């Protein structure tokens, strides 16, 4: 993540903790935080396998 974005993330985080962040700043913080978390990660498609709710197995 670029240094200027990281500095902005830090600034917005401090404002949010102090309850001084405006709505647009909260949205910007959310976007920057997601970028920070995902930085360097490979974007892999979701491979979640869904199981039917009606079928349950129990150990016996």
N, C-alpha and C. Protein backbone atom coordinates (compact mmCIF):
# COMPACT_ATOMS: atom_id res chain seq x y z
N UNK A 1 0.85 -1.17 0.00
CA UNK A 1 0.00 0.00 0.00
C UNK A 1 0.90 1.24 0.00
N UNK A 2 0.50 2.22 -0.75
CA UNK A 2 1.28 3.45 -0.87
C UNK A 2 1.34 4.20 0.46
N UNK A 3 2.44 4.90 0.68
CA UNK A 3 2.65 5.60 1.95
C UNK A 3 1.59 6.66 2.21
N UNK A 4 1.17 7.38 1.17
CA UNK A 4 0.17 8.44 1.38
C UNK A 4 -1.18 7.85 1.76
N UNK A 5 -1.53 6.70 1.20
CA UNK A 5 -2.80 6.04 1.56
C UNK A 5 -2.72 5.49 2.98
N UNK A 6 -1.57 4.97 3.35
CA UNK A 6 -1.38 4.45 4.70
C UNK A 6 -1.48 5.56 5.74
N UNK A 7 -0.92 6.72 5.42
CA UNK A 7 -1.01 7.88 6.32
C UNK A 7 -2.45 8.35 6.44
N UNK A 8 -3.17 8.36 5.33
CA UNK A 8 -4.59 8.76 5.35
C UNK A 8 -5.41 7.76 6.16
N UNK A 9 -5.13 6.47 6.00
CA UNK A 9 -5.80 5.43 6.77
C UNK A 9 -5.59 5.65 8.26
N UNK A 10 -4.38 5.94 8.65
CA UNK A 10 -4.07 6.19 10.05
C UNK A 10 -4.82 7.40 10.59
N UNK A 11 -4.83 8.47 9.81
CA UNK A 11 -5.52 9.70 10.21
C UNK A 11 -7.02 9.45 10.38
N UNK A 12 -7.63 8.78 9.40
CA UNK A 12 -9.06 8.50 9.47
C UNK A 12 -9.39 7.55 10.62
N UNK A 13 -8.51 6.61 10.88
CA UNK A 13 -8.72 5.69 11.99
C UNK A 13 -8.74 6.44 13.31
N UNK A 14 -7.80 7.36 13.49
CA UNK A 14 -7.76 8.16 14.72
C UNK A 14 -9.03 8.99 14.89
N UNK A 15 -9.52 9.56 13.79
CA UNK A 15 -10.76 10.34 13.84
C UNK A 15 -11.94 9.46 14.21
N UNK A 16 -11.98 8.25 13.65
CA UNK A 16 -13.09 7.33 13.93
C UNK A 16 -13.07 6.89 15.39
N UNK A 17 -11.90 6.62 15.92
CA UNK A 17 -11.79 6.21 17.32
C UNK A 17 -12.26 7.32 18.25
N UNK A 18 -11.98 8.56 17.88
CA UNK A 18 -12.40 9.72 18.68
C UNK A 18 -13.84 10.15 18.37
N UNK A 19 -14.54 9.38 17.53
CA UNK A 19 -15.92 9.69 17.12
C UNK A 19 -16.03 11.06 16.45
N UNK A 20 -15.01 11.45 15.71
CA UNK A 20 -15.02 12.73 15.00
C UNK A 20 -15.07 12.56 13.48
N UNK A 21 -15.22 11.34 13.01
CA UNK A 21 -15.23 11.10 11.56
C UNK A 21 -16.61 11.35 10.98
N UNK A 22 -16.64 12.03 9.85
CA UNK A 22 -17.90 12.27 9.15
C UNK A 22 -18.24 11.04 8.31
N UNK A 23 -19.46 11.00 7.80
CA UNK A 23 -19.94 9.84 7.05
C UNK A 23 -19.04 9.51 5.86
N UNK A 24 -18.67 10.52 5.08
CA UNK A 24 -17.80 10.29 3.93
C UNK A 24 -16.43 9.77 4.36
N UNK A 25 -15.93 10.27 5.48
CA UNK A 25 -14.65 9.81 6.00
C UNK A 25 -14.74 8.35 6.46
N UNK A 26 -15.88 7.97 7.02
CA UNK A 26 -16.07 6.58 7.44
C UNK A 26 -16.07 5.65 6.24
N UNK A 27 -16.70 6.09 5.16
CA UNK A 27 -16.71 5.28 3.94
C UNK A 27 -15.30 5.18 3.35
N UNK A 28 -14.57 6.30 3.37
CA UNK A 28 -13.20 6.29 2.87
C UNK A 28 -12.33 5.38 3.73
N UNK A 29 -12.53 5.43 5.04
CA UNK A 29 -11.79 4.57 5.95
C UNK A 29 -12.07 3.10 5.64
N UNK A 30 -13.32 2.77 5.39
CA UNK A 30 -13.69 1.40 5.06
C UNK A 30 -12.99 0.93 3.79
N UNK A 31 -12.98 1.78 2.77
CA UNK A 31 -12.32 1.43 1.50
C UNK A 31 -10.81 1.26 1.69
N UNK A 32 -10.19 2.18 2.41
CA UNK A 32 -8.75 2.10 2.63
C UNK A 32 -8.39 0.88 3.48
N UNK A 33 -9.22 0.58 4.48
CA UNK A 33 -8.97 -0.58 5.33
C UNK A 33 -9.04 -1.87 4.51
N UNK A 34 -10.05 -1.98 3.65
CA UNK A 34 -10.17 -3.16 2.80
C UNK A 34 -8.97 -3.29 1.86
N UNK A 35 -8.52 -2.17 1.32
CA UNK A 35 -7.34 -2.19 0.46
C UNK A 35 -6.11 -2.63 1.25
N UNK A 36 -5.99 -2.13 2.49
CA UNK A 36 -4.86 -2.49 3.35
C UNK A 36 -4.86 -3.99 3.65
N UNK A 37 -6.03 -4.53 4.00
CA UNK A 37 -6.14 -5.95 4.34
C UNK A 37 -5.84 -6.82 3.12
N UNK A 38 -6.32 -6.42 1.95
CA UNK A 38 -6.17 -7.23 0.75
C UNK A 38 -4.87 -7.00 -0.01
N UNK A 39 -4.06 -6.05 0.45
CA UNK A 39 -2.81 -5.73 -0.23
C UNK A 39 -1.89 -6.95 -0.27
N UNK A 40 -1.51 -7.34 -1.47
CA UNK A 40 -0.60 -8.46 -1.64
C UNK A 40 -1.26 -9.82 -1.67
N UNK A 41 -2.55 -9.88 -1.43
CA UNK A 41 -3.26 -11.16 -1.48
C UNK A 41 -3.66 -11.47 -2.92
N UNK A 42 -3.66 -12.74 -3.23
CA UNK A 42 -4.17 -13.18 -4.52
C UNK A 42 -5.69 -13.15 -4.48
N UNK A 43 -6.29 -12.69 -5.55
CA UNK A 43 -7.75 -12.66 -5.62
C UNK A 43 -8.23 -13.99 -6.17
N UNK A 44 -8.67 -14.86 -5.27
CA UNK A 44 -9.15 -16.18 -5.63
C UNK A 44 -10.67 -16.19 -5.53
N UNK A 45 -11.31 -16.82 -6.51
CA UNK A 45 -12.76 -16.90 -6.47
C UNK A 45 -13.20 -17.69 -5.25
N UNK A 46 -14.36 -17.35 -4.74
CA UNK A 46 -14.93 -18.03 -3.60
C UNK A 46 -15.23 -19.48 -3.97
N UNK A 47 -14.71 -20.41 -3.19
CA UNK A 47 -14.92 -21.83 -3.47
C UNK A 47 -15.71 -22.49 -2.35
N UNK A 48 -16.65 -21.77 -1.78
CA UNK A 48 -17.46 -22.30 -0.69
C UNK A 48 -18.41 -23.35 -1.24
N UNK A 49 -18.49 -24.47 -0.54
CA UNK A 49 -19.41 -25.53 -0.93
C UNK A 49 -20.61 -25.45 0.00
N UNK A 50 -21.79 -25.27 -0.57
CA UNK A 50 -23.01 -25.17 0.23
C UNK A 50 -23.65 -26.55 0.34
N UNK A 51 -24.02 -26.91 1.54
CA UNK A 51 -24.69 -28.18 1.78
C UNK A 51 -26.17 -27.93 2.02
N UNK A 52 -27.03 -28.84 1.57
CA UNK A 52 -28.47 -28.67 1.81
C UNK A 52 -28.78 -28.65 3.30
N UNK A 53 -29.72 -27.81 3.69
CA UNK A 53 -30.06 -27.69 5.11
C UNK A 53 -30.81 -28.91 5.63
N UNK A 54 -31.57 -29.58 4.78
CA UNK A 54 -32.42 -30.68 5.22
C UNK A 54 -31.65 -31.93 5.62
N UNK A 55 -30.47 -32.12 5.10
CA UNK A 55 -29.71 -33.33 5.38
C UNK A 55 -28.69 -33.07 6.47
N UNK A 56 -28.85 -33.77 7.58
CA UNK A 56 -27.89 -33.64 8.68
C UNK A 56 -27.39 -35.02 9.04
N UNK A 57 -26.14 -35.09 9.25
CA UNK A 57 -25.54 -36.36 9.67
C UNK A 57 -25.00 -36.17 11.07
N UNK A 58 -25.14 -37.19 11.85
CA UNK A 58 -24.61 -37.15 13.21
C UNK A 58 -23.67 -38.32 13.40
N UNK A 59 -22.73 -38.14 14.26
CA UNK A 59 -21.81 -39.23 14.58
C UNK A 59 -22.52 -40.19 15.53
N UNK A 60 -22.38 -41.47 15.26
CA UNK A 60 -23.04 -42.44 16.14
C UNK A 60 -22.08 -43.50 16.61
